[in-house]
């Protein structure tokens, strides 16, 4: 072997480091995916709540309109 060839122990250490970093990235990706999925669920629940509030306000507006029409008539 020539003097400029890499040492096998160096290659083994670098490979272990890469595998460790890949595991860390995999864990980070799992956490970020869970956060994104939770946000998606939160937005869906928020939309349902806004629709319910809109229906509630519409019913209230109809009742007020009916009361005002009854008082004018």
PDB file of N, CA and C in Angstrom:
ATOM      1  N   UNK A   1       0.833  -1.191   0.000  1.00  0.00           N
ATOM      2  CA  UNK A   1       0.000   0.000   0.000  1.00  0.00           C
ATOM      3  C   UNK A   1       0.876   1.252   0.000  1.00  0.00           C
ATOM      4  N   UNK A   2       0.346   2.284  -0.604  1.00  0.00           N
ATOM      5  CA  UNK A   2       1.099   3.533  -0.619  1.00  0.00           C
ATOM      6  C   UNK A   2       0.804   4.328   0.644  1.00  0.00           C
ATOM      7  N   UNK A   3       1.590   5.339   0.911  1.00  0.00           N
ATOM      8  CA  UNK A   3       1.451   6.136   2.129  1.00  0.00           C
ATOM      9  C   UNK A   3       0.223   7.033   2.131  1.00  0.00           C
ATOM     10  N   UNK A   4      -0.302   7.386   0.952  1.00  0.00           N
ATOM     11  CA  UNK A   4      -1.445   8.293   0.908  1.00  0.00           C
ATOM     12  C   UNK A   4      -2.788   7.563   0.931  1.00  0.00           C
ATOM     13  N   UNK A   5      -2.811   6.259   1.101  1.00  0.00           N
ATOM     14  CA  UNK A   5      -4.077   5.526   1.157  1.00  0.00           C
ATOM     15  C   UNK A   5      -4.708   5.681   2.536  1.00  0.00           C
ATOM     16  N   UNK A   6      -6.053   5.730   2.590  1.00  0.00           N
ATOM     17  CA  UNK A   6      -6.719   5.939   3.884  1.00  0.00           C
ATOM     18  C   UNK A   6      -6.573   4.726   4.795  1.00  0.00           C
ATOM     19  N   UNK A   7      -6.522   4.986   6.043  1.00  0.00           N
ATOM     20  CA  UNK A   7      -6.425   3.948   7.066  1.00  0.00           C
ATOM     21  C   UNK A   7      -7.803   3.327   7.263  1.00  0.00           C
ATOM     22  N   UNK A   8      -7.889   2.009   7.406  1.00  0.00           N
ATOM     23  CA  UNK A   8      -9.183   1.342   7.565  1.00  0.00           C
ATOM     24  C   UNK A   8      -9.893   1.768   8.845  1.00  0.00           C
ATOM     25  N   UNK A   9      -9.156   2.027   9.888  1.00  0.00           N
ATOM     26  CA  UNK A   9      -9.795   2.461  11.132  1.00  0.00           C
ATOM     27  C   UNK A   9     -10.403   3.852  10.961  1.00  0.00           C
ATOM     28  N   UNK A  10      -9.755   4.715  10.172  1.00  0.00           N
ATOM     29  CA  UNK A  10     -10.315   6.031   9.879  1.00  0.00           C
ATOM     30  C   UNK A  10     -11.624   5.880   9.110  1.00  0.00           C
ATOM     31  N   UNK A  11     -11.623   5.016   8.102  1.00  0.00           N
ATOM     32  CA  UNK A  11     -12.849   4.783   7.323  1.00  0.00           C
ATOM     33  C   UNK A  11     -13.962   4.217   8.208  1.00  0.00           C
ATOM     34  N   UNK A  12     -13.615   3.338   9.114  1.00  0.00           N
ATOM     35  CA  UNK A  12     -14.613   2.751  10.014  1.00  0.00           C
ATOM     36  C   UNK A  12     -15.200   3.823  10.930  1.00  0.00           C
ATOM     37  N   UNK A  13     -14.356   4.716  11.460  1.00  0.00           N
ATOM     38  CA  UNK A  13     -14.850   5.805  12.315  1.00  0.00           C
ATOM     39  C   UNK A  13     -15.767   6.746  11.529  1.00  0.00           C
ATOM     40  N   UNK A  14     -15.369   7.066  10.315  1.00  0.00           N
ATOM     41  CA  UNK A  14     -16.196   7.944   9.492  1.00  0.00           C
ATOM     42  C   UNK A  14     -17.540   7.298   9.164  1.00  0.00           C
ATOM     43  N   UNK A  15     -17.522   6.010   8.911  1.00  0.00           N
ATOM     44  CA  UNK A  15     -18.775   5.308   8.623  1.00  0.00           C
ATOM     45  C   UNK A  15     -19.677   5.292   9.856  1.00  0.00           C
ATOM     46  N   UNK A  16     -19.121   5.032  11.034  1.00  0.00           N
ATOM     47  CA  UNK A  16     -19.923   5.062  12.262  1.00  0.00           C
ATOM     48  C   UNK A  16     -20.515   6.452  12.488  1.00  0.00           C
ATOM     49  N   UNK A  17     -19.729   7.491  12.217  1.00  0.00           N
ATOM     50  CA  UNK A  17     -20.205   8.863  12.382  1.00  0.00           C
ATOM     51  C   UNK A  17     -21.354   9.145  11.410  1.00  0.00           C
ATOM     52  N   UNK A  18     -21.213   8.725  10.166  1.00  0.00           N
ATOM     53  CA  UNK A  18     -22.276   8.925   9.185  1.00  0.00           C
ATOM     54  C   UNK A  18     -23.552   8.191   9.584  1.00  0.00           C
ATOM     55  N   UNK A  19     -23.416   6.960  10.050  1.00  0.00           N
ATOM     56  CA  UNK A  19     -24.586   6.192  10.481  1.00  0.00           C
ATOM     57  C   UNK A  19     -25.262   6.847  11.681  1.00  0.00           C
ATOM     58  N   UNK A  20     -24.460   7.390  12.577  1.00  0.00           N
ATOM     59  CA  UNK A  20     -25.019   8.085  13.735  1.00  0.00           C
ATOM     60  C   UNK A  20     -25.776   9.336  13.298  1.00  0.00           C
ATOM     61  N   UNK A  21     -25.191  10.094  12.380  1.00  0.00           N
ATOM     62  CA  UNK A  21     -25.851  11.303  11.887  1.00  0.00           C
ATOM     63  C   UNK A  21     -27.131  10.964  11.128  1.00  0.00           C
ATOM     64  N   UNK A  22     -27.126   9.872  10.380  1.00  0.00           N
ATOM     65  CA  UNK A  22     -28.340   9.451   9.673  1.00  0.00           C
ATOM     66  C   UNK A  22     -29.447   9.090  10.659  1.00  0.00           C
ATOM     67  N   UNK A  23     -29.079   8.443  11.750  1.00  0.00           N
ATOM     68  CA  UNK A  23     -30.064   8.120  12.780  1.00  0.00           C
ATOM     69  C   UNK A  23     -30.651   9.374  13.405  1.00  0.00           C
ATOM     70  N   UNK A  24     -29.804  10.361  13.649  1.00  0.00           N
ATOM     71  CA  UNK A  24     -30.274  11.630  14.200  1.00  0.00           C
ATOM     72  C   UNK A  24     -31.219  12.322  13.228  1.00  0.00           C
ATOM     73  N   UNK A  25     -30.851  12.348  11.949  1.00  0.00           N
ATOM     74  CA  UNK A  25     -31.718  12.957  10.934  1.00  0.00           C
ATOM     75  C   UNK A  25     -33.052  12.223  10.830  1.00  0.00           C
ATOM     76  N   UNK A  26     -33.017  10.910  10.926  1.00  0.00           N
ATOM     77  CA  UNK A  26     -34.250  10.111  10.878  1.00  0.00           C
ATOM     78  C   UNK A  26     -35.158  10.467  12.064  1.00  0.00           C
ATOM     79  N   UNK A  27     -34.583  10.604  13.239  1.00  0.00           N
ATOM     80  CA  UNK A  27     -35.357  10.985  14.421  1.00  0.00           C
ATOM     81  C   UNK A  27     -35.941  12.391  14.268  1.00  0.00           C
ATOM     82  N   UNK A  28     -35.127  13.314  13.757  1.00  0.00           N
ATOM     83  CA  UNK A  28     -35.603  14.685  13.532  1.00  0.00           C
ATOM     84  C   UNK A  28     -36.767  14.700  12.546  1.00  0.00           C
ATOM     85  N   UNK A  29     -36.653  13.908  11.485  1.00  0.00           N
ATOM     86  CA  UNK A  29     -37.715  13.846  10.489  1.00  0.00           C
ATOM     87  C   UNK A  29     -38.998  13.297  11.096  1.00  0.00           C
ATOM     88  N   UNK A  30     -38.896  12.300  11.948  1.00  0.00           N
ATOM     89  CA  UNK A  30     -40.081  11.735  12.601  1.00  0.00           C
ATOM     90  C   UNK A  30     -40.766  12.780  13.480  1.00  0.00           C
ATOM     91  N   UNK A  31     -39.984  13.557  14.210  1.00  0.00           N
ATOM     92  CA  UNK A  31     -40.542  14.605  15.072  1.00  0.00           C
ATOM     93  C   UNK A  31     -41.224  15.685  14.231  1.00  0.00           C
ATOM     94  N   UNK A  32     -40.563  16.135  13.176  1.00  0.00           N
ATOM     95  CA  UNK A  32     -41.138  17.179  12.329  1.00  0.00           C
ATOM     96  C   UNK A  32     -42.403  16.696  11.619  1.00  0.00           C
ATOM     97  N   UNK A  33     -42.427  15.438  11.218  1.00  0.00           N
ATOM     98  CA  UNK A  33     -43.625  14.874  10.598  1.00  0.00           C
ATOM     99  C   UNK A  33     -44.779  14.862  11.590  1.00  0.00           C
ATOM    100  N   UNK A  34     -44.507  14.473  12.825  1.00  0.00           N
ATOM    101  CA  UNK A  34     -45.550  14.464  13.852  1.00  0.00           C
ATOM    102  C   UNK A  34     -46.077  15.868  14.107  1.00  0.00           C
ATOM    103  N   UNK A  35     -45.199  16.853  14.136  1.00  0.00           N
ATOM    104  CA  UNK A  35     -45.620  18.246  14.345  1.00  0.00           C
ATOM    105  C   UNK A  35     -46.510  18.702  13.193  1.00  0.00           C
ATOM    106  N   UNK A  36     -46.111  18.389  11.963  1.00  0.00           N
ATOM    107  CA  UNK A  36     -46.902  18.785  10.792  1.00  0.00           C
ATOM    108  C   UNK A  36     -48.274  18.125  10.808  1.00  0.00           C
ATOM    109  N   UNK A  37     -48.334  16.869  11.183  1.00  0.00           N
ATOM    110  CA  UNK A  37     -49.618  16.162  11.230  1.00  0.00           C
ATOM    111  C   UNK A  37     -50.514  16.740  12.326  1.00  0.00           C
ATOM    112  N   UNK A  38     -49.924  17.105  13.444  1.00  0.00           N
ATOM    113  CA  UNK A  38     -50.701  17.718  14.523  1.00  0.00           C
ATOM    114  C   UNK A  38     -51.244  19.072  14.071  1.00  0.00           C
ATOM    115  N   UNK A  39     -50.433  19.858  13.383  1.00  0.00           N
ATOM    116  CA  UNK A  39     -50.882  21.148  12.861  1.00  0.00           C
ATOM    117  C   UNK A  39     -52.030  20.973  11.874  1.00  0.00           C
ATOM    118  N   UNK A  40     -51.937  19.961  11.027  1.00  0.00           N
ATOM    119  CA  UNK A  40     -52.986  19.691  10.051  1.00  0.00           C
ATOM    120  C   UNK A  40     -54.294  19.367  10.765  1.00  0.00           C
ATOM    121  N   UNK A  41     -54.224  18.557  11.808  1.00  0.00           N
ATOM    122  CA  UNK A  41     -55.415  18.228  12.590  1.00  0.00           C
ATOM    123  C   UNK A  41     -55.979  19.448  13.299  1.00  0.00           C
ATOM    124  N   UNK A  42     -55.100  20.309  13.794  1.00  0.00           N
ATOM    125  CA  UNK A  42     -55.538  21.522  14.473  1.00  0.00           C
ATOM    126  C   UNK A  42     -56.267  22.443  13.503  1.00  0.00           C
ATOM    127  N   UNK A  43     -55.751  22.570  12.294  1.00  0.00           N
ATOM    128  CA  UNK A  43     -56.388  23.435  11.300  1.00  0.00           C
ATOM    129  C   UNK A  43     -57.766  22.892  10.911  1.00  0.00           C
ATOM    130  N   UNK A  44     -57.896  21.586  10.789  1.00  0.00           N
ATOM    131  CA  UNK A  44     -59.192  20.994  10.450  1.00  0.00           C
ATOM    132  C   UNK A  44     -60.198  21.254  11.572  1.00  0.00           C
ATOM    133  N   UNK A  45     -59.762  21.105  12.808  1.00  0.00           N
ATOM    134  CA  UNK A  45     -60.647  21.358  13.946  1.00  0.00           C
ATOM    135  C   UNK A  45     -61.022  22.836  14.015  1.00  0.00           C
ATOM    136  N   UNK A  46     -60.087  23.709  13.707  1.00  0.00           N
ATOM    137  CA  UNK A  46     -60.357  25.143  13.705  1.00  0.00           C
ATOM    138  C   UNK A  46     -61.395  25.501  12.645  1.00  0.00           C
ATOM    139  N   UNK A  47     -61.293  24.907  11.480  1.00  0.00           N
ATOM    140  CA  UNK A  47     -62.252  25.150  10.411  1.00  0.00           C
ATOM    141  C   UNK A  47     -63.648  24.700  10.831  1.00  0.00           C
ATOM    142  N   UNK A  48     -63.751  23.567  11.473  1.00  0.00           N
ATOM    143  CA  UNK A  48     -65.039  23.078  11.963  1.00  0.00           C
ATOM    144  C   UNK A  48     -65.623  24.049  12.983  1.00  0.00           C
ATOM    145  N   UNK A  49     -64.791  24.547  13.878  1.00  0.00           N
ATOM    146  CA  UNK A  49     -65.250  25.505  14.879  1.00  0.00           C
ATOM    147  C   UNK A  49     -65.726  26.811  14.267  1.00  0.00           C
ATOM    148  N   UNK A  50     -65.004  27.297  13.267  1.00  0.00           N
ATOM    149  CA  UNK A  50     -65.399  28.549  12.605  1.00  0.00           C
ATOM    150  C   UNK A  50     -66.730  28.361  11.883  1.00  0.00           C
ATOM    151  N   UNK A  51     -66.921  27.223  11.244  1.00  0.00           N
ATOM    152  CA  UNK A  51     -68.199  26.962  10.568  1.00  0.00           C
ATOM    153  C   UNK A  51     -69.350  26.923  11.572  1.00  0.00           C
ATOM    154  N   UNK A  52     -69.126  26.302  12.719  1.00  0.00           N
ATOM    155  CA  UNK A  52     -70.166  26.241  13.750  1.00  0.00           C
ATOM    156  C   UNK A  52     -70.495  27.634  14.275  1.00  0.00           C
ATOM    157  N   UNK A  53     -69.469  28.454  14.484  1.00  0.00           N
ATOM    158  CA  UNK A  53     -69.706  29.819  14.952  1.00  0.00           C
ATOM    159  C   UNK A  53     -70.455  30.635  13.901  1.00  0.00           C
ATOM    160  N   UNK A  54     -70.139  30.431  12.637  1.00  0.00           N
ATOM    161  CA  UNK A  54     -70.838  31.152  11.572  1.00  0.00           C
ATOM    162  C   UNK A  54     -72.325  30.784  11.567  1.00  0.00           C
ATOM    163  N   UNK A  55     -72.614  29.506  11.715  1.00  0.00           N
ATOM    164  CA  UNK A  55     -74.012  29.068  11.761  1.00  0.00           C
ATOM    165  C   UNK A  55     -74.723  29.669  12.973  1.00  0.00           C
ATOM    166  N   UNK A  56     -74.043  29.706  14.097  1.00  0.00           N
ATOM    167  CA  UNK A  56     -74.607  30.276  15.318  1.00  0.00           C
ATOM    168  C   UNK A  56     -74.909  31.766  15.123  1.00  0.00           C
ATOM    169  N   UNK A  57     -73.997  32.505  14.538  1.00  0.00           N
ATOM    170  CA  UNK A  57     -74.199  33.934  14.301  1.00  0.00           C
ATOM    171  C   UNK A  57     -75.317  34.176  13.290  1.00  0.00           C
ATOM    172  N   UNK A  58     -75.407  33.317  12.294  1.00  0.00           N
ATOM    173  CA  UNK A  58     -76.479  33.458  11.302  1.00  0.00           C
ATOM    174  C   UNK A  58     -77.848  33.272  11.952  1.00  0.00           C
ATOM    175  N   UNK A  59     -77.961  32.265  12.823  1.00  0.00           N
ATOM    176  CA  UNK A  59     -79.234  32.045  13.524  1.00  0.00           C
ATOM    177  C   UNK A  59     -79.577  33.243  14.404  1.00  0.00           C
ATOM    178  N   UNK A  60     -78.592  33.789  15.090  1.00  0.00           N
ATOM    179  CA  UNK A  60     -78.824  34.952  15.939  1.00  0.00           C
ATOM    180  C   UNK A  60     -79.266  36.160  15.095  1.00  0.00           C
ATOM    181  N   UNK A  61     -78.626  36.360  13.959  1.00  0.00           N
ATOM    182  CA  UNK A  61     -79.001  37.472  13.083  1.00  0.00           C
ATOM    183  C   UNK A  61     -80.435  37.297  12.583  1.00  0.00           C
ATOM    184  N   UNK A  62     -80.817  36.075  12.257  1.00  0.00           N
ATOM    185  CA  UNK A  62     -82.195  35.815  11.821  1.00  0.00           C
ATOM    186  C   UNK A  62     -83.190  36.120  12.933  1.00  0.00           C
ATOM    187  N   UNK A  63     -82.859  35.746  14.159  1.00  0.00           N
ATOM    188  CA  UNK A  63     -83.761  36.026  15.286  1.00  0.00           C
ATOM    189  C   UNK A  63     -83.910  37.523  15.501  1.00  0.00           C
ATOM    190  N   UNK A  64     -82.790  38.263  15.437  1.00  0.00           N
ATOM    191  CA  UNK A  64     -82.843  39.718  15.611  1.00  0.00           C
ATOM    192  C   UNK A  64     -83.670  40.334  14.503  1.00  0.00           C
ATOM    193  N   UNK A  65     -83.496  39.875  13.280  1.00  0.00           N
ATOM    194  CA  UNK A  65     -84.283  40.393  12.159  1.00  0.00           C
ATOM    195  C   UNK A  65     -85.775  40.150  12.377  1.00  0.00           C
ATOM    196  N   UNK A  66     -86.125  38.953  12.860  1.00  0.00           N
ATOM    197  CA  UNK A  66     -87.516  38.627  13.127  1.00  0.00           C
ATOM    198  C   UNK A  66     -88.110  39.527  14.220  1.00  0.00           C
ATOM    199  N   UNK A  67     -87.322  39.762  15.276  1.00  0.00           N
ATOM    200  CA  UNK A  67     -87.790  40.635  16.380  1.00  0.00           C
ATOM    201  C   UNK A  67     -87.988  42.057  15.873  1.00  0.00           C
ATOM    202  N   UNK A  68     -87.025  42.562  15.091  1.00  0.00           N
ATOM    203  CA  UNK A  68     -87.147  43.914  14.557  1.00  0.00           C
ATOM    204  C   UNK A  68     -88.339  44.034  13.613  1.00  0.00           C
ATOM    205  N   UNK A  69     -88.576  43.029  12.799  1.00  0.00           N
ATOM    206  CA  UNK A  69     -89.717  43.059  11.874  1.00  0.00           C
ATOM    207  C   UNK A  69     -91.027  43.015  12.662  1.00  0.00           C
ATOM    208  N   UNK A  70     -91.076  42.278  13.739  1.00  0.00           N
ATOM    209  CA  UNK A  70     -92.284  42.172  14.564  1.00  0.00           C
ATOM    210  C   UNK A  70     -92.576  43.508  15.261  1.00  0.00           C
ATOM    211  N   UNK A  71     -91.516  44.204  15.704  1.00  0.00           N
ATOM    212  CA  UNK A  71     -91.686  45.484  16.392  1.00  0.00           C
ATOM    213  C   UNK A  71     -92.131  46.575  15.416  1.00  0.00           C
ATOM    214  N   UNK A  72     -91.652  46.517  14.187  1.00  0.00           N
ATOM    215  CA  UNK A  72     -92.019  47.527  13.190  1.00  0.00           C
ATOM    216  C   UNK A  72     -93.439  47.321  12.675  1.00  0.00           C
ATOM    217  N   UNK A  73     -93.883  46.088  12.656  1.00  0.00           N
ATOM    218  CA  UNK A  73     -95.182  45.777  12.041  1.00  0.00           C
ATOM    219  C   UNK A  73     -96.320  46.001  12.926  1.00  0.00           C
TER     220      UNK A  73
END
